Amino acid sequence: MRIRRAMRKKPLRRPIKNRGAKRYRQVQQKKRLIELGFTDDQIRKMNIKQIHAILLRPKKFSV
């Protein structure tokens, strides 16, 4: 029995997201919040999920 193409295309072959790119995205998101009018203290108290939720609907969370 031969190994078909679908069996060779496993998730193990996919590239892994690296930490540097993740950190870069988080810094960019925090800069966008500063442009929206949030202060550094407010941003420090937020976690990444909260930041993402605000950036999805910025009008809802206007300062």
Protein backbone atom coordinates (compact mmCIF):
# COMPACT_ATOMS: atom_id res chain seq x y z
CA MET A 1 0.00 0.00 0.00
CA ARG A 2 1.40 3.39 -0.93
CA ILE A 3 1.47 6.56 1.15
CA ARG A 4 -0.82 9.10 -0.40
CA ARG A 5 -0.19 12.83 -0.63
CA ALA A 6 -2.76 13.66 2.05
CA MET A 7 -0.91 11.51 4.56
CA ARG A 8 2.38 13.29 3.87
CA LYS A 9 0.87 16.74 4.46
CA LYS A 10 0.82 16.64 8.24
CA PRO A 11 0.71 19.65 10.56
CA LEU A 12 4.23 18.78 11.63
CA ARG A 13 5.44 20.12 8.30
CA ARG A 14 3.88 23.55 8.84
CA PRO A 15 6.01 26.51 9.91
CA ILE A 16 5.79 27.48 13.56
CA LYS A 17 4.91 31.03 14.59
CA ASN A 18 7.96 32.55 16.16
CA ARG A 19 8.11 34.65 19.31
CA GLY A 20 9.67 37.66 17.61
CA ALA A 21 6.78 38.07 15.19
CA LYS A 22 4.28 37.71 18.04
CA ARG A 23 6.07 40.34 20.11
CA TYR A 24 6.17 42.66 17.09
CA ARG A 25 2.39 42.31 16.59
CA GLN A 26 1.72 43.05 20.25
CA VAL A 27 3.87 46.19 20.17
CA GLN A 28 2.08 47.41 17.04
CA GLN A 29 -1.31 46.81 18.67
CA LYS A 30 -0.27 48.81 21.74
CA LYS A 31 0.84 51.68 19.50
CA ARG A 32 -2.57 51.65 17.84
CA LEU A 33 -4.23 51.92 21.25
CA ILE A 34 -2.07 54.93 22.09
CA GLU A 35 -3.21 56.55 18.83
CA LEU A 36 -6.82 55.90 19.89
CA GLY A 37 -6.21 57.86 23.09
CA PHE A 38 -5.45 55.23 25.73
CA THR A 39 -2.72 55.98 28.28
CA ASP A 40 0.26 53.76 29.04
CA ASP A 41 -1.14 52.92 32.48
CA GLN A 42 -4.43 51.75 30.96
CA ILE A 43 -2.63 49.61 28.41
CA ARG A 44 -0.38 47.99 31.03
CA LYS A 45 -3.42 46.85 33.00
CA MET A 46 -4.93 45.13 29.93
CA ASN A 47 -4.10 41.66 28.74
CA ILE A 48 -3.64 40.76 25.08
CA LYS A 49 -7.21 39.50 24.66
CA GLN A 50 -8.62 42.79 25.90
CA ILE A 51 -6.35 44.73 23.56
CA HIS A 52 -7.46 42.60 20.64
CA ALA A 53 -11.14 43.06 21.51
CA ILE A 54 -10.73 46.84 21.61
CA LEU A 55 -8.95 46.91 18.28
CA LEU A 56 -11.70 44.85 16.66
CA ARG A 57 -14.33 47.47 17.57
CA PRO A 58 -12.55 50.72 18.49
CA LYS A 59 -15.69 52.90 18.41
CA LYS A 60 -17.32 50.80 21.13
CA PHE A 61 -14.41 51.39 23.55
CA SER A 62 -13.62 55.02 22.74
CA VAL A 63 -11.89 56.94 25.51
